Amino acid sequence: MLEHETKEQQTVLKESVQIQDAYDKDVDRLKTLIEDAQKQMSSNPVKHKNIDALKKQIAEHKVKLQA
């Protein structure tokens, strides 16, 4: 009986570790995406003071992201 409970707890712990590992990988991936976005934003600051030019710049950025 004690052996059975121990195996169950071991299984639960292994699953928890696997889930935590997956979360850690997701967090690392998201951190990388955020850092890349921040670098891109700082390297391409908003240059325009009127709405039409700003809309054009936004559209160009969207095209670059889709490529």
Protein backbone atom coordinates (compact mmCIF):
# COMPACT_ATOMS: atom_id res chain seq x y z
CA MET A 1 0.00 0.00 0.00
CA LEU A 2 2.77 2.45 0.92
CA GLU A 3 4.67 1.45 -2.22
CA HIS A 4 1.60 2.15 -4.35
CA GLU A 5 1.15 5.63 -2.84
CA THR A 6 4.82 6.37 -3.33
CA LYS A 7 4.64 5.44 -7.01
CA GLU A 8 1.54 7.60 -7.46
CA GLN A 9 3.27 10.57 -5.84
CA GLN A 10 6.35 9.99 -7.96
CA THR A 11 4.21 9.99 -11.11
CA VAL A 12 2.49 13.21 -10.05
CA LEU A 13 5.85 14.84 -9.32
CA LYS A 14 7.28 13.79 -12.69
CA GLU A 15 4.26 15.25 -14.47
CA SER A 16 4.59 18.46 -12.47
CA VAL A 17 8.25 18.76 -13.40
CA GLN A 18 7.42 18.24 -17.08
CA ILE A 19 4.72 20.91 -16.91
CA GLN A 20 7.10 23.31 -15.15
CA ASP A 21 9.77 22.67 -17.79
CA ALA A 22 7.27 23.46 -20.53
CA TYR A 23 6.28 26.70 -18.74
CA ASP A 24 9.93 27.65 -18.36
CA LYS A 25 10.54 27.11 -22.07
CA ASP A 26 7.48 29.22 -22.91
CA VAL A 27 8.68 32.01 -20.63
CA ASP A 28 12.14 31.94 -22.22
CA ARG A 29 10.62 32.04 -25.70
CA LEU A 30 8.36 34.95 -24.75
CA LYS A 31 11.26 36.84 -23.17
CA THR A 32 13.22 36.46 -26.39
CA LEU A 33 10.27 37.69 -28.45
CA ILE A 34 9.82 40.70 -26.17
CA GLU A 35 13.53 41.54 -26.28
CA ASP A 36 13.53 41.28 -30.08
CA ALA A 37 10.48 43.54 -30.29
CA GLN A 38 12.09 46.08 -27.97
CA LYS A 39 15.27 46.11 -30.08
CA GLN A 40 13.23 46.59 -33.23
CA MET A 41 11.22 49.40 -31.68
CA SER A 42 14.32 51.23 -30.48
CA SER A 43 16.06 50.81 -33.83
CA ASN A 44 13.03 52.16 -35.72
CA PRO A 45 11.61 55.01 -33.66
CA VAL A 46 8.53 56.93 -34.71
CA LYS A 47 9.81 59.52 -37.15
CA HIS A 48 6.72 61.31 -38.28
CA LYS A 49 4.66 64.05 -36.75
CA ASN A 50 1.58 63.84 -38.94
CA ILE A 51 -0.99 61.04 -38.96
CA ASP A 52 -0.69 60.09 -42.62
CA ALA A 53 3.08 59.61 -42.46
CA LEU A 54 2.71 57.64 -39.23
CA LYS A 55 0.07 55.38 -40.80
CA LYS A 56 2.44 54.76 -43.72
CA GLN A 57 5.28 53.86 -41.35
CA ILE A 58 3.01 51.46 -39.43
CA ALA A 59 1.93 49.81 -42.69
CA GLU A 60 5.58 49.38 -43.70
CA HIS A 61 6.37 47.74 -40.36
CA LYS A 62 3.45 45.35 -40.79
CA VAL A 63 4.74 44.35 -44.22
CA LYS A 64 8.21 43.72 -42.77
CA LEU A 65 6.74 41.55 -40.01
CA GLN A 66 4.75 39.46 -42.49
CA ALA A 67 7.80 38.83 -44.69
